[in-house]
Protein backbone atom coordinates (compact mmCIF):
# COMPACT_ATOMS: atom_id res chain seq x y z
CA MET A 1 6.76 -10.15 19.46
CA THR A 2 7.21 -8.60 15.75
CA VAL A 3 10.14 -6.20 15.95
CA PRO A 4 9.41 -3.24 14.97
CA LEU A 5 10.84 -2.22 11.42
CA ARG A 6 12.95 0.69 12.68
CA GLN A 7 14.83 -2.24 14.71
CA ARG A 8 14.95 -3.73 11.45
CA PRO A 9 16.80 -1.48 9.03
CA TYR A 10 18.10 -4.47 6.62
CA ASP A 11 14.53 -5.05 5.60
CA VAL A 12 14.15 -1.82 4.18
CA PHE A 13 16.65 -3.45 0.92
CA PHE A 14 14.07 -5.58 0.65
CA ILE A 15 11.18 -3.18 1.01
CA VAL A 16 12.55 -1.47 -2.07
CA PHE A 17 13.60 -4.16 -3.80
CA PHE A 18 10.29 -5.99 -3.86
CA ALA A 19 8.54 -2.23 -4.41
CA ILE A 20 10.51 -1.00 -7.76
CA ASN A 21 10.17 -4.43 -8.82
CA ALA A 22 6.91 -4.02 -8.66
CA LEU A 23 6.38 -1.17 -9.98
CA VAL A 24 9.49 -0.82 -12.64
CA ILE A 25 10.30 -4.20 -13.23
CA THR A 26 7.05 -6.24 -13.36
CA TYR A 27 4.44 -4.60 -15.04
CA ILE A 28 6.20 -2.45 -17.29
CA VAL A 29 10.18 -3.30 -17.58
CA ASP A 30 8.99 -6.87 -18.22
CA LEU A 31 5.54 -6.51 -19.45
CA GLU A 32 6.85 -4.90 -22.40
CA GLN A 33 8.61 -7.81 -23.50
CA LEU A 34 4.69 -9.87 -23.43
CA VAL A 35 2.65 -6.89 -25.13
CA VAL A 36 5.10 -6.47 -27.96
CA ALA A 37 5.82 -9.51 -29.19
CA ASP A 38 8.37 -8.38 -32.45
CA PRO A 39 10.65 -5.53 -31.77
CA THR A 40 11.32 -4.60 -34.83
CA ASP A 41 7.82 -4.10 -35.65
CA PHE A 42 5.14 -2.39 -33.16
CA ASP A 43 2.70 -0.16 -32.97
CA TYR A 44 3.23 1.19 -29.16
CA PRO A 45 0.53 0.34 -26.79
CA VAL A 46 -1.69 1.64 -23.49
CA TRP A 47 1.07 0.53 -21.15
CA PRO A 48 4.00 0.71 -21.11
CA PRO A 49 4.50 4.35 -21.75
CA PRO A 50 6.44 4.61 -25.65
CA ALA A 51 9.83 6.19 -23.36
CA ALA A 52 9.68 3.18 -21.07
CA ILE A 53 9.50 0.61 -23.76
CA ASP A 54 12.64 2.54 -26.18
CA LEU A 55 14.74 2.46 -23.55
CA VAL A 56 14.44 -1.40 -22.60
CA HIS A 57 14.24 -1.87 -27.17
CA TRP A 58 18.01 0.20 -25.89
CA TRP A 59 18.81 -1.52 -23.41
CA GLY A 60 18.54 -4.81 -25.65
CA ASP A 61 20.12 -3.79 -29.18
CA THR A 62 22.57 -2.80 -26.58
CA TYR A 63 23.41 -5.10 -24.55
CA ASP A 64 20.81 -7.66 -24.68
CA PRO A 65 20.41 -9.33 -27.75
CA LEU A 66 17.96 -12.17 -26.05
CA LEU A 67 15.91 -10.24 -24.68
CA MET A 68 15.29 -8.53 -28.15
CA ALA A 69 15.22 -12.58 -29.83
CA ARG A 70 12.49 -13.38 -26.77
CA PRO A 71 12.71 -17.23 -27.19
CA PRO A 72 10.12 -19.01 -25.29
CA PHE A 73 12.06 -19.70 -22.45
CA TRP A 74 12.50 -16.17 -22.34
CA ARG A 75 8.97 -15.21 -22.75
CA MET A 76 8.08 -17.69 -20.36
CA THR A 77 10.48 -15.55 -17.28
CA ILE A 78 8.11 -13.28 -18.14
CA TRP A 79 5.44 -14.81 -17.35
CA ILE A 80 6.20 -16.26 -14.17
CA ASP A 81 7.00 -12.82 -13.36
CA ILE A 82 4.24 -10.95 -13.96
CA VAL A 83 1.66 -13.29 -12.70
CA PHE A 84 3.47 -14.97 -9.95
CA PHE A 85 6.48 -12.84 -8.77
CA GLY A 86 4.35 -9.40 -9.73
CA PRO A 87 1.62 -10.45 -6.69
CA PHE A 88 3.61 -11.61 -4.32
CA TYR A 89 6.09 -8.05 -4.43
CA LEU A 90 2.56 -6.29 -3.37
CA PHE A 91 2.07 -8.81 -0.42
CA ALA A 92 6.15 -8.61 0.22
CA VAL A 93 6.40 -5.36 0.77
CA TYR A 94 3.58 -5.18 3.00
CA ALA A 95 4.67 -8.24 5.02
CA PHE A 96 8.20 -6.90 5.24
CA VAL A 97 6.42 -3.57 6.35
CA ARG A 98 4.15 -5.46 9.35
CA GLY A 99 6.34 -7.40 9.82
CA ARG A 100 4.47 -10.55 8.79
CA ASN A 101 6.10 -14.25 9.61
CA TRP A 102 3.34 -15.92 7.38
CA ILE A 103 5.83 -14.67 4.03
CA LYS A 104 8.55 -16.74 5.18
CA VAL A 105 7.49 -19.52 2.52
CA PRO A 106 6.26 -17.60 -0.14
CA ALA A 107 9.67 -15.61 -0.25
CA LEU A 108 11.20 -19.28 0.13
CA VAL A 109 9.79 -20.26 -2.72
CA TRP A 110 9.79 -16.72 -4.99
CA SER A 111 14.03 -17.53 -4.05
CA GLY A 112 14.34 -20.60 -5.04
CA THR A 113 11.89 -19.56 -8.30
CA MET A 114 14.51 -16.92 -8.98
CA LEU A 115 17.82 -18.04 -9.00
CA ALA A 116 16.50 -20.52 -11.04
CA ASN A 117 15.05 -17.61 -13.60
CA VAL A 118 18.63 -15.89 -13.32
CA LEU A 119 20.72 -18.59 -14.35
CA ILE A 120 19.29 -20.33 -16.84
CA ILE A 121 19.06 -16.57 -18.53
CA LEU A 122 22.30 -15.67 -17.39
CA MET A 123 23.56 -19.16 -18.66
CA ASP A 124 21.93 -18.47 -22.60
CA GLU A 125 23.37 -14.91 -22.05
CA ARG A 126 26.95 -16.00 -22.00
CA TYR A 127 26.73 -19.12 -24.24
CA GLY A 128 23.32 -19.66 -26.54
CA VAL A 129 22.32 -18.43 -29.31
CA THR A 130 22.25 -14.81 -28.80
CA PRO A 131 25.14 -14.03 -26.45
CA ALA A 132 25.54 -11.00 -25.23
CA PRO A 133 28.00 -9.19 -26.67
CA ASN A 134 29.99 -7.82 -23.03
CA PHE A 135 28.07 -10.55 -20.94
CA ALA A 136 29.78 -9.03 -17.92
CA ILE A 137 27.36 -5.41 -18.47
CA VAL A 138 24.68 -8.06 -18.32
CA LEU A 139 25.91 -9.67 -15.61
CA ALA A 140 25.74 -6.61 -13.18
CA ALA A 141 22.97 -5.84 -14.63
CA ASN A 142 21.05 -8.96 -12.92
CA GLY A 143 23.21 -9.06 -9.99
CA THR A 144 21.22 -7.70 -7.89
CA TRP A 145 17.97 -10.97 -9.00
CA LEU A 146 21.33 -12.97 -8.32
CA LEU A 147 21.86 -12.43 -4.74
CA THR A 148 19.36 -11.24 -3.58
CA PRO A 149 17.42 -14.29 -3.17
CA PHE A 150 20.42 -15.49 -1.35
CA LEU A 151 20.21 -12.59 1.20
CA MET A 152 16.42 -13.36 1.11
CA MET A 153 16.92 -17.05 2.52
CA TRP A 154 19.10 -16.22 4.64
CA ARG A 155 17.03 -13.93 5.92
CA MET A 156 14.07 -16.42 5.91
CA ARG A 157 16.64 -18.69 8.14
CA ARG A 158 14.25 -19.09 11.23
CA GLU A 159 10.61 -20.25 12.29
CA HIS A 160 9.89 -17.15 12.95
CA PRO A 161 12.03 -13.89 10.45
CA PHE A 162 9.73 -11.22 12.14
CA THR A 163 10.06 -12.14 15.70
CA ARG A 164 12.65 -11.92 18.78
CA PRO A 165 14.11 -15.11 19.53
CA GLU A 166 12.87 -16.92 22.79
CA PRO A 167 16.13 -16.67 25.01
CA VAL A 168 17.14 -19.82 25.93
CA ALA A 169 16.83 -20.55 29.27
CA PRO A 170 20.49 -21.52 31.94
């Protein structure tokens, strides 16, 4: 029997995380980095909104030169986010709200891929060609995407993560 969401308050974190990623990060912040190929010379596209583009560029100019440089590996992580993670986030919101065990394998695949992407990006942010002027700020800003995959692996550790374990007979 599926455990109701009201008895899984820790899952609210994942639901909110996935919703914010789907609605803001993936299809506004990350999409900007594909539709604006050169942040030094561009016309505002139809989407994302100009204010969002300006905010992304402010962050990049102030803290994150790698975001503004947009090397090929970076753009590939953005494509992974747009094509794979975005739909996953939408399915994950549904699965976590409704307690659907079929999300386990996709959630574990997401965890490994997200962790790899973030670690590669952070290595470049620290030691790459365009290192962050204040790595601690960039690390803190990416902390949620670094820690949440570990939390997800822990959350999905049981065979049926949304049902109560059967009591063990003596």
